[in-house]
Amino acid sequence: MKFYITNPNESDKESIMRIYKKNRDTLGIPFNRIFDEMIEDKNFIIAVSEDGQLAGFCGFKYKPRKHYYEIEHLCVDDKFRRNKLAIKLLQFHLRFNYTINTKGLFEVRPDVVAYAVEGKPNNVFYDRVSTKYEVVPKQTKVLRKYYLDVEKILNYE
């Protein structure tokens, strides 16, 4: 199956929220309050199937005080999983946002991190594409802060 990756517009919001709500337990991060900001900043992409269905989405944001890029809300609808779509979304961000935006700007390129709720299915995915993780206790849950292996992701086929 083929997908195209693009920036969302206001008409995509309902589909994005539907997929988010189905996966809220795994994503574990509040979404409504930052959604409009991510779309406005063009830091958010969606994957759309050949027949026009929203298949997945991913946000990417530079955190200057922490000196890292953070993957926010990487999510693929369950009916489109096993198509390497999560990797394709990450590759898009890394090729067009991270590589271009960090070239020559930093002595040491910032890390790329992603947070995942401990014990959830997405831990398996992040374990494969990360160099390490740290456990980060929060008030109501325990998160894993993954340090993504940029080269591994960019070269993944």
Protein backbone atom coordinates (compact mmCIF):
# COMPACT_ATOMS: atom_id res chain seq x y z
CA MET A 1 0.00 0.00 0.00
CA LYS A 2 1.23 3.50 -0.81
CA PHE A 3 0.97 6.57 1.39
CA TYR A 4 1.74 10.21 0.92
CA ILE A 5 3.01 12.44 3.70
CA THR A 6 1.86 16.03 4.01
CA ASN A 7 0.98 18.74 6.50
CA PRO A 8 -2.57 18.57 7.81
CA ASN A 9 -5.18 21.26 7.52
CA GLU A 10 -8.21 22.08 9.62
CA SER A 11 -10.37 19.49 7.82
CA ASP A 12 -8.04 16.70 9.02
CA LYS A 13 -8.52 17.52 12.70
CA GLU A 14 -11.53 15.24 13.23
CA SER A 15 -9.74 12.19 11.76
CA ILE A 16 -6.57 12.94 13.72
CA MET A 17 -8.52 13.23 16.97
CA ARG A 18 -10.38 9.96 16.24
CA ILE A 19 -7.10 8.06 15.85
CA TYR A 20 -5.60 9.83 18.85
CA LYS A 21 -8.55 8.91 21.08
CA LYS A 22 -8.29 5.24 20.06
CA ASN A 23 -4.61 5.28 21.07
CA ARG A 24 -4.70 7.74 23.97
CA ASP A 25 -3.71 5.05 26.48
CA THR A 26 -0.54 4.20 24.59
CA LEU A 27 0.36 7.78 23.64
CA GLY A 28 -0.19 8.95 27.18
CA ILE A 29 0.38 12.64 26.43
CA PRO A 30 -2.32 15.36 26.35
CA PHE A 31 -2.91 16.41 22.80
CA ASN A 32 -5.76 18.92 22.45
CA ARG A 33 -3.89 21.88 23.92
CA ILE A 34 -0.91 21.69 21.52
CA PHE A 35 -2.64 20.45 18.37
CA ASP A 36 -3.37 23.86 16.80
CA GLU A 37 0.12 25.14 17.65
CA MET A 38 1.77 22.13 15.98
CA ILE A 39 -0.28 22.54 12.81
CA GLU A 40 0.41 26.27 12.67
CA ASP A 41 4.17 25.71 13.10
CA LYS A 42 4.22 23.03 10.37
CA ASN A 43 5.84 20.65 12.89
CA PHE A 44 3.13 18.06 12.38
CA ILE A 45 2.70 15.67 9.47
CA ILE A 46 0.11 13.12 8.46
CA ALA A 47 0.23 10.03 6.30
CA VAL A 48 -2.71 9.50 3.98
CA SER A 49 -3.48 6.24 2.16
CA GLU A 50 -4.08 6.01 -1.59
CA ASP A 51 -7.83 6.02 -0.98
CA GLY A 52 -7.65 9.21 1.12
CA GLN A 53 -7.86 7.75 4.63
CA LEU A 54 -5.75 9.21 7.40
CA ALA A 55 -3.29 6.45 8.31
CA GLY A 56 -1.02 8.11 10.87
CA PHE A 57 0.58 11.27 12.18
CA CYS A 58 3.68 12.58 13.90
CA GLY A 59 4.85 15.82 15.49
CA PHE A 60 8.44 17.02 15.82
CA LYS A 61 9.59 19.96 17.90
CA TYR A 62 12.89 21.52 18.94
CA LYS A 63 13.19 22.13 22.68
CA PRO A 64 15.95 24.78 22.93
CA ARG A 65 16.28 24.78 26.73
CA LYS A 66 16.79 21.02 26.72
CA HIS A 67 18.81 21.04 23.45
CA TYR A 68 16.94 18.18 21.84
CA TYR A 69 14.29 17.48 19.23
CA GLU A 70 11.27 15.63 20.50
CA ILE A 71 9.04 13.30 18.55
CA GLU A 72 5.50 14.06 19.65
CA HIS A 73 2.50 11.87 19.05
CA LEU A 74 3.86 9.30 16.60
CA CYS A 75 0.78 7.22 15.90
CA VAL A 76 -0.36 4.85 13.15
CA ASP A 77 -3.98 3.72 12.94
CA ASP A 78 -4.18 0.00 13.73
CA LYS A 79 -5.60 -0.92 10.33
CA PHE A 80 -2.49 0.54 8.62
CA ARG A 81 0.16 -0.99 10.87
CA ARG A 82 2.83 -3.38 9.55
CA ASN A 83 3.47 -1.10 6.54
CA LYS A 84 6.61 0.58 7.99
CA LEU A 85 4.60 3.76 8.27
CA ALA A 86 5.98 4.81 11.67
CA ILE A 87 9.51 4.59 10.27
CA LYS A 88 8.47 6.56 7.17
CA LEU A 89 7.01 9.34 9.32
CA LEU A 90 10.19 9.50 11.41
CA GLN A 91 12.38 9.47 8.28
CA PHE A 92 10.41 12.38 6.83
CA HIS A 93 10.93 14.49 9.95
CA LEU A 94 14.58 13.56 10.25
CA ARG A 95 15.34 14.27 6.59
CA PHE A 96 13.44 17.53 6.25
CA ASN A 97 13.40 19.01 9.74
CA TYR A 98 16.30 17.64 11.74
CA THR A 99 19.01 17.31 9.08
CA ILE A 100 18.29 20.62 7.37
CA ASN A 101 17.60 22.60 10.55
CA THR A 102 20.68 21.39 12.43
CA LYS A 103 23.28 21.46 9.65
CA GLY A 104 26.02 23.87 10.70
CA LEU A 105 24.00 25.38 13.54
CA PHE A 106 25.35 23.34 16.43
CA GLU A 107 28.80 22.11 17.40
CA VAL A 108 27.11 18.95 18.59
CA ARG A 109 23.81 18.07 16.97
CA PRO A 110 20.95 17.81 19.43
CA ASP A 111 19.59 14.41 20.43
CA VAL A 112 16.26 13.24 19.09
CA VAL A 113 14.06 11.85 21.84
CA ALA A 114 10.63 10.31 22.19
CA TYR A 115 8.61 9.53 25.28
CA ALA A 116 6.51 6.40 25.65
CA VAL A 117 4.45 5.04 28.53
CA GLU A 118 6.30 2.14 30.17
CA GLY A 119 4.87 -1.29 29.32
CA LYS A 120 2.86 -0.23 26.26
CA PRO A 121 3.10 -1.89 22.81
CA ASN A 122 4.99 1.03 21.27
CA ASN A 123 7.96 0.25 23.58
CA VAL A 124 8.92 -2.57 21.18
CA PHE A 125 9.12 -0.15 18.25
CA TYR A 126 11.16 2.42 20.16
CA ASP A 127 13.49 -0.28 21.53
CA ARG A 128 14.41 -1.14 17.92
CA VAL A 129 15.15 2.43 16.79
CA SER A 130 16.87 3.81 19.91
CA THR A 131 20.33 3.70 21.38
CA LYS A 132 19.09 3.83 24.99
CA TYR A 133 16.27 4.96 27.23
CA GLU A 134 15.84 6.42 30.71
CA VAL A 135 12.93 5.75 33.04
CA VAL A 136 11.09 8.97 33.94
CA PRO A 137 8.55 8.67 36.78
CA LYS A 138 5.56 11.01 36.50
CA GLN A 139 2.66 11.57 38.88
CA THR A 140 0.29 9.03 37.35
CA LYS A 141 2.53 6.85 35.15
CA VAL A 142 6.08 5.90 34.31
CA LEU A 143 7.54 7.05 30.98
CA ARG A 144 10.52 5.92 28.99
CA LYS A 145 12.60 8.67 27.42
CA TYR A 146 14.11 7.12 24.30
CA TYR A 147 17.20 8.49 22.55
CA LEU A 148 16.60 7.71 18.90
CA ASP A 149 19.34 6.42 16.63
CA VAL A 150 19.05 8.94 13.77
CA GLU A 151 21.37 7.06 11.39
CA LYS A 152 19.60 3.75 11.99
CA ILE A 153 16.22 5.34 11.24
CA LEU A 154 17.43 7.19 8.14
CA ASN A 155 18.96 3.99 6.74
CA TYR A 156 16.05 1.72 7.65
CA GLU A 157 14.43 0.08 4.63
